[in-house]
Amino acid sequence: MWRSPGRRCRRRHWWARRATAWRSWSIRSRSGIATRRWAGSDESLADMAEITADKALASADIRPAALDCVIVATFTHLKQTPAVATEVAHRIGATGAAAFDISARCAGFVHALSLAADMVRGRGGHVLVVGAERMTDLLDHEDRSTAFIFGDGAGVVILGPATMSGVGPVVWGADGSQADAISQTVPWDALRDDPHLRWPALRQDGQKVFRWAVYKMAEVAQQALDAAGVRAADLEAFVPHQANLRIIDGLARGIGLPDHVVVARDVVTTGNTSGASIPLAMEALLNAGSVRSGGLALLLGYGAGLSYAAAVVALP
């Protein structure tokens, strides 16, 4: 049957709207992600880290010159050298501070936090810890199984001397036998050999990561509680890496968290920001008044490698 061009156009638009709604429902049902944030084209990784560091210094009333070290947990800095931490330290005025990056992917922030706590215990002074990722630089935006998950962001904490330690013993490790579960498609030198190659991008086996995270990380979380000498009932909050809402809820059940423990679910509004997800989720809970400063929180980072790190901390 013949239809006018106008009617065909309206029908096509209706199907386009229906397809978009179906994709949105599918994304949210699979991951829990409703919104996310991507950096602007003119907003670099160092820009995000600098802005967040300035806010943290102002909030803590600490002068940049008082910082002894700046650590940036990231794997999305596209320059092999120098470390983005050196640029951040210079920009914020942390003259003479040691500065370096660490790369443990989504577990990087808890790794950096543990290193910073050991520095303060052993040397005193103040350490600024940044979790910053510009995930959009490492995505294949045509990959529907991966690209929709990730967002960009940065979060910062500052550690300094205190009468009581605010960071408990870290439980960390890696399972390199499953390194292919989350990986880069090709190494950077492949572009040198074939300039027409597609840009290297992040790939992951979602089902493999889900099974590993829910079961293995519940064990690691319990080990961190035991190392700190606390019970799940002593916690005020559980702040895991914001990878996927189903993983977060599965972990909460696996650990056996009581109802009064607030579970961070920042992934719903920010997506997966890798090494930035835990500090962003902590800030969201504190800003919303969902938890109190000084309350105990279990932090749990996990991701590519497959690497993981967990620790009980007093909320800033």
Protein backbone atom coordinates (compact mmCIF):
# COMPACT_ATOMS: atom_id res chain seq x y z
CA MET A 1 0.00 0.00 0.00
CA TRP A 2 1.33 3.42 -0.96
CA ARG A 3 2.10 5.88 1.81
CA SER A 4 3.01 9.52 1.53
CA PRO A 5 6.65 10.53 2.27
CA GLY A 6 5.42 12.42 5.31
CA ARG A 7 3.77 9.33 6.76
CA ARG A 8 6.91 7.23 6.12
CA CYS A 9 8.97 9.88 7.91
CA ARG A 10 6.64 9.94 10.91
CA ARG A 11 6.67 6.12 11.08
CA ARG A 12 10.48 6.06 10.92
CA HIS A 13 10.75 8.65 13.72
CA TRP A 14 8.32 6.62 15.84
CA TRP A 15 10.48 3.51 15.46
CA ALA A 16 13.61 5.55 16.20
CA ARG A 17 12.09 6.80 19.45
CA ARG A 18 10.99 3.27 20.34
CA ALA A 19 14.49 1.89 19.65
CA THR A 20 16.09 4.62 21.77
CA ALA A 21 13.72 3.92 24.66
CA TRP A 22 14.47 0.17 24.38
CA ARG A 23 18.25 0.78 24.48
CA SER A 24 17.86 3.07 27.53
CA TRP A 25 15.78 0.45 29.34
CA SER A 26 18.26 -2.30 28.43
CA ILE A 27 21.27 -0.26 29.65
CA ARG A 28 19.62 0.52 32.96
CA SER A 29 18.38 -3.03 33.54
CA ARG A 30 21.81 -4.53 32.80
CA SER A 31 23.99 -2.02 34.64
CA GLY A 32 21.80 0.26 36.76
CA ILE A 33 23.24 3.30 34.98
CA ALA A 34 20.73 6.08 34.32
CA THR A 35 23.13 8.96 33.57
CA ARG A 36 26.87 9.56 33.28
CA ARG A 37 29.23 12.46 32.68
CA TRP A 38 31.83 12.84 29.95
CA ALA A 39 34.57 15.48 29.99
CA GLY A 40 34.46 18.25 27.41
CA SER A 41 36.78 18.08 24.43
CA ASP A 42 38.89 20.87 25.97
CA GLU A 43 38.94 19.36 29.49
CA SER A 44 42.02 17.24 30.10
CA LEU A 45 42.75 14.66 32.77
CA ALA A 46 45.04 17.16 34.50
CA ASP A 47 42.29 19.81 34.38
CA MET A 48 39.85 17.55 36.21
CA ALA A 49 42.43 16.53 38.81
CA GLU A 50 43.53 20.14 39.40
CA ILE A 51 40.00 21.47 39.92
CA THR A 52 39.16 18.69 42.36
CA ALA A 53 42.46 19.05 44.24
CA ASP A 54 41.90 22.79 44.70
CA LYS A 55 38.46 22.09 46.18
CA ALA A 56 39.86 19.47 48.56
CA LEU A 57 42.66 21.77 49.77
CA ALA A 58 40.19 24.57 50.42
CA SER A 59 37.84 22.21 52.28
CA ALA A 60 40.69 20.87 54.44
CA ASP A 61 42.18 24.37 54.93
CA ILE A 62 45.62 23.12 53.89
CA ARG A 63 48.10 25.17 51.88
CA PRO A 64 49.43 23.47 48.73
CA ALA A 65 53.00 24.11 49.93
CA ALA A 66 52.27 21.91 52.95
CA LEU A 67 51.81 18.84 50.76
CA ASP A 68 54.66 16.34 50.86
CA CYS A 69 53.38 14.08 48.09
CA VAL A 70 50.80 13.95 45.29
CA ILE A 71 49.64 10.54 44.06
CA VAL A 72 47.32 10.16 41.08
CA ALA A 73 45.60 6.82 40.54
CA THR A 74 44.81 6.64 36.83
CA PHE A 75 45.26 4.49 33.77
CA THR A 76 43.86 6.94 31.24
CA HIS A 77 46.80 9.35 31.08
CA LEU A 78 47.80 9.06 27.43
CA LYS A 79 51.42 10.11 27.96
CA GLN A 80 53.82 7.46 29.17
CA THR A 81 55.89 10.25 30.70
CA PRO A 82 55.87 12.50 32.62
CA ALA A 83 53.35 11.38 35.22
CA VAL A 84 50.21 13.52 35.30
CA ALA A 85 50.79 13.86 39.07
CA THR A 86 53.80 16.08 38.41
CA GLU A 87 51.65 18.42 36.31
CA VAL A 88 48.91 18.47 38.93
CA ALA A 89 51.39 19.21 41.74
CA HIS A 90 52.85 22.11 39.75
CA ARG A 91 49.44 23.55 38.88
CA ILE A 92 48.15 23.55 42.46
CA GLY A 93 51.37 24.99 43.88
CA ALA A 94 52.69 21.90 45.70
CA THR A 95 56.27 23.06 45.15
CA GLY A 96 58.84 20.39 45.91
CA ALA A 97 56.29 17.66 46.68
CA ALA A 98 56.99 14.16 45.43
CA ALA A 99 54.56 13.27 42.66
CA PHE A 100 53.82 10.04 40.84
CA ASP A 101 51.06 8.02 39.19
CA ILE A 102 49.98 4.50 39.98
CA SER A 103 48.05 2.25 37.62
CA ALA A 104 45.90 -0.44 39.19
CA ARG A 105 42.84 0.39 37.11
CA CYS A 106 39.57 0.39 39.07
CA ALA A 107 41.38 -0.70 42.25
CA GLY A 108 43.92 2.13 41.93
CA PHE A 109 42.41 4.58 44.39
CA VAL A 110 42.48 2.13 47.32
CA HIS A 111 46.05 1.16 46.39
CA ALA A 112 47.03 4.84 46.42
CA LEU A 113 45.19 5.46 49.68
CA SER A 114 47.08 2.63 51.39
CA LEU A 115 50.44 3.90 50.13
CA ALA A 116 49.59 7.42 51.30
CA ALA A 117 48.59 6.17 54.77
CA ASP A 118 51.90 4.33 55.11
CA MET A 119 53.77 7.49 54.07
CA VAL A 120 52.02 9.57 56.71
CA ARG A 121 52.61 6.96 59.41
CA GLY A 122 56.29 6.68 58.52
CA ARG A 123 57.19 10.25 57.55
CA GLY A 124 54.41 12.51 58.72
CA GLY A 125 53.28 15.37 56.51
CA HIS A 126 50.31 15.50 54.13
CA VAL A 127 49.60 13.42 51.04
CA LEU A 128 47.06 14.32 48.38
CA VAL A 129 45.49 11.29 46.69
CA VAL A 130 43.66 11.73 43.40
CA GLY A 131 41.52 9.21 41.55
CA ALA A 132 41.08 10.61 38.04
CA GLU A 133 39.99 9.02 34.80
CA ARG A 134 39.09 10.26 31.34
CA MET A 135 37.57 6.98 30.23
CA THR A 136 36.22 8.38 26.99
CA ASP A 137 39.75 8.46 25.55
CA LEU A 138 39.95 4.67 25.73
CA LEU A 139 36.51 3.68 24.51
CA ASP A 140 35.35 2.33 21.19
CA HIS A 141 32.19 4.40 20.99
CA GLU A 142 30.67 1.91 18.55
CA ASP A 143 31.06 -0.95 21.03
CA ARG A 144 27.58 -1.29 22.52
CA SER A 145 28.69 -3.87 25.06
CA THR A 146 31.22 -1.57 26.75
CA ALA A 147 31.04 2.11 25.82
CA PHE A 148 27.73 2.87 27.58
CA ILE A 149 29.12 1.85 30.97
CA PHE A 150 31.86 4.40 31.47
CA GLY A 151 32.08 8.04 32.53
CA ASP A 152 34.80 10.59 33.27
CA GLY A 153 35.57 12.11 36.66
CA ALA A 154 38.00 12.89 39.46
CA GLY A 155 37.92 12.71 43.24
CA VAL A 156 40.48 13.68 45.91
CA VAL A 157 41.25 12.98 49.55
CA ILE A 158 44.03 14.43 51.72
CA LEU A 159 45.74 12.39 54.42
CA GLY A 160 47.65 13.90 57.34
CA PRO A 161 48.82 13.09 60.88
CA ALA A 162 46.14 12.16 63.42
CA THR A 163 45.95 10.75 66.93
CA MET A 164 44.14 7.69 65.54
CA SER A 165 44.69 6.07 62.15
CA GLY A 166 41.87 6.69 59.72
CA VAL A 167 42.93 4.01 57.23
CA GLY A 168 42.94 0.35 58.24
CA PRO A 169 45.16 -2.44 56.90
CA VAL A 170 44.81 -3.03 53.18
CA VAL A 171 43.93 -6.43 51.73
CA TRP A 172 45.06 -6.50 48.13
CA GLY A 173 46.13 -8.81 45.34
CA ALA A 174 45.72 -9.73 41.69
CA ASP A 175 44.77 -12.72 39.56
CA GLY A 176 46.79 -12.39 36.36
CA SER A 177 45.38 -15.65 35.03
CA GLN A 178 42.22 -13.69 34.21
CA ALA A 179 43.94 -10.64 32.76
CA ASP A 180 42.03 -11.07 29.49
CA ALA A 181 38.69 -10.39 31.23
CA ILE A 182 39.32 -6.63 30.97
CA SER A 183 41.98 -5.53 28.52
CA GLN A 184 43.04 -3.15 25.78
CA THR A 185 42.37 -4.35 22.24
CA VAL A 186 45.95 -3.80 20.99
CA PRO A 187 49.12 -2.27 22.50
CA TRP A 188 50.09 1.30 21.60
CA ASP A 189 53.04 0.22 19.46
CA ALA A 190 50.60 -1.47 17.08
CA LEU A 191 49.68 2.03 15.85
CA ARG A 192 53.32 2.65 14.94
CA ASP A 193 53.39 -0.52 12.84
CA ASP A 194 49.99 0.09 11.25
CA PRO A 195 48.82 3.74 11.31
CA HIS A 196 45.47 2.69 9.80
CA LEU A 197 44.63 0.49 12.77
CA ARG A 198 41.63 1.39 14.91
CA TRP A 199 42.45 3.31 18.08
CA PRO A 200 43.19 0.92 20.98
CA ALA A 201 40.11 0.55 23.14
CA LEU A 202 38.90 -1.07 26.34
CA ARG A 203 37.21 -4.45 26.12
CA GLN A 204 35.72 -6.61 28.85
CA ASP A 205 33.99 -9.93 29.32
CA GLY A 206 31.11 -8.71 31.43
CA GLN A 207 29.89 -12.11 32.61
CA LYS A 208 33.35 -13.26 33.67
CA VAL A 209 33.96 -10.04 35.59
CA PHE A 210 30.52 -10.24 37.23
CA ARG A 211 31.06 -13.77 38.54
CA TRP A 212 34.57 -13.00 39.80
CA ALA A 213 33.58 -9.73 41.45
CA VAL A 214 30.48 -10.98 43.27
CA TYR A 215 32.04 -14.12 44.72
CA LYS A 216 35.74 -13.36 45.10
CA MET A 217 35.33 -9.76 46.27
CA ALA A 218 32.88 -10.71 49.01
CA GLU A 219 35.69 -12.84 50.46
CA VAL A 220 38.19 -9.97 50.13
CA ALA A 221 35.76 -7.58 51.84
CA GLN A 222 35.45 -9.95 54.80
CA GLN A 223 39.24 -10.22 54.99
CA ALA A 224 39.49 -6.43 55.17
CA LEU A 225 36.93 -6.33 57.99
CA ASP A 226 38.88 -9.01 59.87
CA ALA A 227 42.19 -7.17 59.33
CA ALA A 228 40.67 -3.98 60.77
CA GLY A 229 39.15 -5.86 63.71
CA VAL A 230 35.60 -4.77 62.97
CA ARG A 231 32.31 -6.45 62.06
CA ALA A 232 29.96 -5.60 59.23
CA ALA A 233 27.56 -4.25 61.88
CA ASP A 234 30.19 -1.67 62.92
CA LEU A 235 30.16 -0.07 59.48
CA GLU A 236 28.29 3.07 58.56
CA ALA A 237 28.86 2.69 54.84
CA PHE A 238 30.01 0.32 52.13
CA VAL A 239 31.70 2.10 49.22
CA PRO A 240 32.70 -0.38 46.52
CA HIS A 241 34.02 0.44 43.06
CA GLN A 242 31.03 1.66 41.07
CA ALA A 243 31.14 -0.87 38.26
CA ASN A 244 27.61 -2.14 38.00
CA LEU A 245 24.56 -1.90 40.26
CA ARG A 246 23.93 -5.66 40.13
CA ILE A 247 27.50 -6.33 41.30
CA ILE A 248 27.17 -3.78 44.12
CA ASP A 249 23.91 -5.31 45.36
CA GLY A 250 25.33 -8.82 45.02
CA LEU A 251 28.37 -7.85 47.11
CA ALA A 252 26.20 -6.28 49.81
CA ARG A 253 24.28 -9.55 50.11
CA GLY A 254 27.45 -11.66 49.97
CA ILE A 255 29.07 -9.69 52.80
CA GLY A 256 25.87 -9.87 54.83
CA LEU A 257 25.58 -6.14 55.47
CA PRO A 258 22.93 -5.12 58.03
CA ASP A 259 20.15 -2.80 56.85
CA HIS A 260 21.61 0.24 58.63
CA VAL A 261 24.79 0.19 56.51
CA VAL A 262 24.51 2.72 53.70
CA VAL A 263 25.58 1.25 50.35
CA ALA A 264 27.03 3.68 47.80
CA ARG A 265 25.22 3.42 44.47
CA ASP A 266 26.75 6.40 42.70
CA VAL A 267 27.01 4.32 39.52
CA VAL A 268 23.37 5.18 38.80
CA THR A 269 24.21 8.84 38.14
CA THR A 270 27.92 8.81 37.22
CA GLY A 271 28.49 5.50 35.45
CA ASN A 272 31.73 3.58 35.90
CA THR A 273 34.55 6.10 36.40
CA SER A 274 37.17 3.44 37.24
CA GLY A 275 39.79 4.82 39.65
CA ALA A 276 37.66 7.92 40.36
CA SER A 277 34.53 6.03 41.37
CA ILE A 278 35.23 5.45 45.08
CA PRO A 279 36.17 9.05 46.03
CA LEU A 280 33.24 10.36 43.97
CA ALA A 281 30.86 7.96 45.72
CA MET A 282 32.22 8.92 49.16
CA GLU A 283 31.70 12.60 48.43
CA ALA A 284 28.16 11.98 47.19
CA LEU A 285 27.24 10.18 50.43
CA LEU A 286 28.76 12.91 52.62
CA ASN A 287 27.19 15.75 50.64
CA ALA A 288 23.78 14.10 50.83
CA GLY A 289 24.10 13.69 54.59
CA SER A 290 23.63 9.93 54.24
CA VAL A 291 26.70 9.26 56.41
CA ARG A 292 28.62 11.20 59.02
CA SER A 293 32.23 12.27 58.96
CA GLY A 294 34.30 9.87 61.03
CA GLY A 295 31.96 6.91 60.51
CA LEU A 296 33.55 3.65 59.40
CA ALA A 297 33.33 2.70 55.74
CA LEU A 298 34.54 -0.35 53.87
CA LEU A 299 36.19 0.62 50.58
CA LEU A 300 36.56 -2.07 47.91
CA GLY A 301 38.21 -1.52 44.55
CA TYR A 302 38.48 -4.18 41.85
CA GLY A 303 39.00 -4.35 38.12
CA ALA A 304 41.40 -5.08 35.28
CA GLY A 305 44.32 -7.29 36.09
CA LEU A 306 42.29 -8.71 37.74
CA SER A 307 43.39 -6.49 40.64
CA TYR A 308 41.69 -5.68 43.92
CA ALA A 309 42.21 -3.76 47.17
CA ALA A 310 40.02 -3.26 50.22
CA ALA A 311 40.35 -1.33 53.50
CA VAL A 312 38.21 0.01 56.32
CA VAL A 313 38.51 3.78 56.71
CA ALA A 314 37.08 6.59 58.79
CA LEU A 315 35.08 8.80 56.44
CA PRO A 316 36.65 12.24 55.87
